[in-house]
Amino acid sequence: MAGTSKTRPYNAVNAGALSIAECEITFSAADARVLLVEGLPANSLIVDAFFDLTEAFDSGTSDTLSIGTGATGGANDGDILDTVDGQGTPGVFPATRSIPKVSGLSGGEDVYAYYNTEGTAPSAGAAKAYIVYARLADNG
C-alpha cells in the first residue's frame, strides 16, 4: 500500500476565523515523502500544529514524521513546527516549537508533512498531521 495524503480545510478561510487543515500519512516503500498539508493565504497565523499517530510505523530502523514550512524536499530546523517518532505509541502529539508562526506577508506559504523512513520498507503505519490557522486580514 502506498502513502496517501488528503488536504481538507475545515473553514472558508475568512479573515479572523480559525481553519484546520489535515494531511493523512500512511506507510510507503519510499525513502522520504513530502506531502502538502495546506497552502496558507497571505497574512495567516499558524496557531497550532500536531500529529495524531493512529498506527505505529514499522520500518527496520526509524520513521520520523515532521510538519513545517520548508520548501519541497525538506525543511531547515528553524522551519519545523513539530516532529514525532513514528514508531512510538499511538496518540496525539502537539507542536513543541515555533508556534505561533506568521506566514509570508506579501504572499502565502505552504505547510508540508515530511515522512522519513530508514531501514526495511515499512508494512504498517498511519498518522495525520494537522495545522490550525487564521487569516489576519481579508486579501480579497
Protein backbone atom coordinates (compact mmCIF):
# COMPACT_ATOMS: atom_id res chain seq x y z
CA MET A 1 0.00 0.00 0.00
CA ALA A 2 1.38 3.41 -0.92
CA GLY A 3 1.27 6.56 1.17
CA THR A 4 -1.64 8.92 0.64
CA SER A 5 -2.39 12.49 1.50
CA LYS A 6 -5.62 14.41 1.96
CA THR A 7 -5.89 18.11 2.50
CA ARG A 8 -9.20 19.32 3.89
CA PRO A 9 -9.57 22.86 5.17
CA TYR A 10 -12.49 22.93 7.59
CA ASN A 11 -13.38 26.61 7.21
CA ALA A 12 -13.74 29.00 4.30
CA VAL A 13 -10.59 30.86 5.42
CA ASN A 14 -12.42 34.09 6.21
CA ALA A 15 -10.45 36.84 7.94
CA GLY A 16 -10.34 36.19 11.69
CA ALA A 17 -11.87 32.71 11.50
CA LEU A 18 -9.88 29.64 12.52
CA SER A 19 -9.31 26.97 9.90
CA ILE A 20 -7.98 23.43 10.32
CA ALA A 21 -6.16 21.51 7.59
CA GLU A 22 -5.10 17.88 7.77
CA CYS A 23 -2.86 15.56 5.82
CA GLU A 24 -3.04 11.78 6.10
CA ILE A 25 0.29 9.92 6.07
CA THR A 26 0.43 6.17 5.51
CA PHE A 27 3.36 3.79 5.14
CA SER A 28 5.26 3.67 1.88
CA ALA A 29 8.34 1.99 0.48
CA ALA A 30 9.76 5.42 -0.43
CA ASP A 31 12.83 6.63 1.48
CA ALA A 32 11.35 10.10 2.01
CA ARG A 33 7.99 11.71 1.35
CA VAL A 34 6.82 15.30 1.34
CA LEU A 35 3.07 15.88 1.48
CA LEU A 36 1.28 19.22 1.23
CA VAL A 37 -0.86 19.92 4.29
CA GLU A 38 -2.14 23.34 3.19
CA GLY A 39 -1.25 26.34 1.08
CA LEU A 40 -1.79 29.19 3.53
CA PRO A 41 -3.14 32.51 2.27
CA ALA A 42 -1.07 35.65 2.84
CA ASN A 43 -1.25 37.21 6.31
CA SER A 44 -2.04 33.94 8.05
CA LEU A 45 -1.05 32.97 11.58
CA ILE A 46 -0.41 29.31 12.42
CA VAL A 47 -1.74 28.93 15.96
CA ASP A 48 -1.23 25.18 16.40
CA ALA A 49 0.22 22.10 14.72
CA PHE A 50 0.05 18.50 15.88
CA PHE A 51 0.18 14.84 14.86
CA ASP A 52 -2.32 12.09 15.54
CA LEU A 53 -0.34 8.84 15.28
CA THR A 54 -3.02 6.17 14.81
CA GLU A 55 -0.78 3.19 13.95
CA ALA A 56 2.96 2.93 14.60
CA PHE A 57 5.22 2.71 11.54
CA ASP A 58 7.44 -0.37 11.43
CA SER A 59 10.49 0.13 9.23
CA GLY A 60 13.65 -1.60 10.36
CA THR A 61 15.45 1.46 11.76
CA SER A 62 13.39 4.66 12.14
CA ASP A 63 10.30 6.51 10.95
CA THR A 64 10.25 10.25 11.59
CA LEU A 65 7.24 12.50 10.97
CA SER A 66 7.66 16.28 10.82
CA ILE A 67 5.48 19.24 9.90
CA GLY A 68 6.92 22.54 8.71
CA THR A 69 7.09 25.33 6.19
CA GLY A 70 10.28 24.47 4.30
CA ALA A 71 10.47 24.05 0.55
CA THR A 72 9.51 20.78 -1.09
CA GLY A 73 12.24 18.26 -0.43
CA GLY A 74 12.94 19.17 3.17
CA ALA A 75 12.90 21.86 5.77
CA ASN A 76 15.57 23.63 7.75
CA ASP A 77 15.44 23.01 11.50
CA GLY A 78 14.01 26.52 12.04
CA ASP A 79 11.09 25.73 9.72
CA ILE A 80 9.91 22.68 11.67
CA LEU A 81 6.78 23.11 13.81
CA ASP A 82 6.62 19.56 15.20
CA THR A 83 8.47 16.23 14.93
CA VAL A 84 7.43 12.84 16.29
CA ASP A 85 8.81 9.31 16.37
CA GLY A 86 6.55 7.40 14.01
CA GLN A 87 7.47 4.13 15.73
CA GLY A 88 6.18 5.39 19.09
CA THR A 89 2.98 4.63 20.93
CA PRO A 90 -0.08 5.92 19.06
CA GLY A 91 -1.53 9.17 20.39
CA VAL A 92 -1.79 12.91 19.80
CA PHE A 93 1.46 14.90 19.83
CA PRO A 94 1.19 18.72 19.99
CA ALA A 95 3.74 21.07 18.45
CA THR A 96 6.70 21.81 20.67
CA ARG A 97 8.20 24.89 18.98
CA SER A 98 7.81 27.77 16.54
CA ILE A 99 4.14 28.43 17.39
CA PRO A 100 2.63 30.87 16.60
CA LYS A 101 4.15 31.47 13.18
CA VAL A 102 3.11 34.18 10.72
CA SER A 103 3.15 33.18 7.05
CA GLY A 104 4.51 35.47 4.36
CA LEU A 105 3.01 38.94 4.48
CA SER A 106 3.11 39.56 0.73
CA GLY A 107 2.25 36.01 -0.30
CA GLY A 108 1.10 32.79 1.26
CA GLU A 109 3.20 29.90 2.46
CA ASP A 110 2.91 26.15 2.05
CA VAL A 111 2.92 23.79 5.04
CA TYR A 112 4.23 20.26 4.47
CA ALA A 113 4.29 16.96 6.34
CA TYR A 114 7.60 15.14 5.99
CA TYR A 115 7.85 11.36 6.37
CA ASN A 116 11.36 9.94 6.51
CA THR A 117 11.96 6.22 6.90
CA GLU A 118 15.21 4.27 7.27
CA GLY A 119 15.78 0.54 7.19
CA THR A 120 13.50 -2.01 5.62
CA ALA A 121 10.37 -0.77 3.91
CA PRO A 122 7.54 -0.37 6.43
CA SER A 123 4.46 -2.56 6.12
CA ALA A 124 2.29 -0.63 8.58
CA GLY A 125 1.82 2.89 9.88
CA ALA A 126 -0.67 5.74 9.76
CA ALA A 127 -0.84 9.29 11.09
CA LYS A 128 -2.49 12.62 10.41
CA ALA A 129 -0.74 15.98 10.52
CA TYR A 130 -2.89 18.98 11.45
CA ILE A 131 -2.44 22.74 11.41
CA VAL A 132 -4.78 25.33 12.88
CA TYR A 133 -4.50 28.81 11.38
CA ALA A 134 -6.31 32.10 10.98
CA ARG A 135 -6.20 34.79 8.29
CA LEU A 136 -5.28 38.11 9.86
CA ALA A 137 -6.68 40.24 7.03
CA ASP A 138 -9.08 39.87 4.15
CA ASN A 139 -6.98 39.69 1.00
CA GLY A 140 -9.86 39.54 -1.44
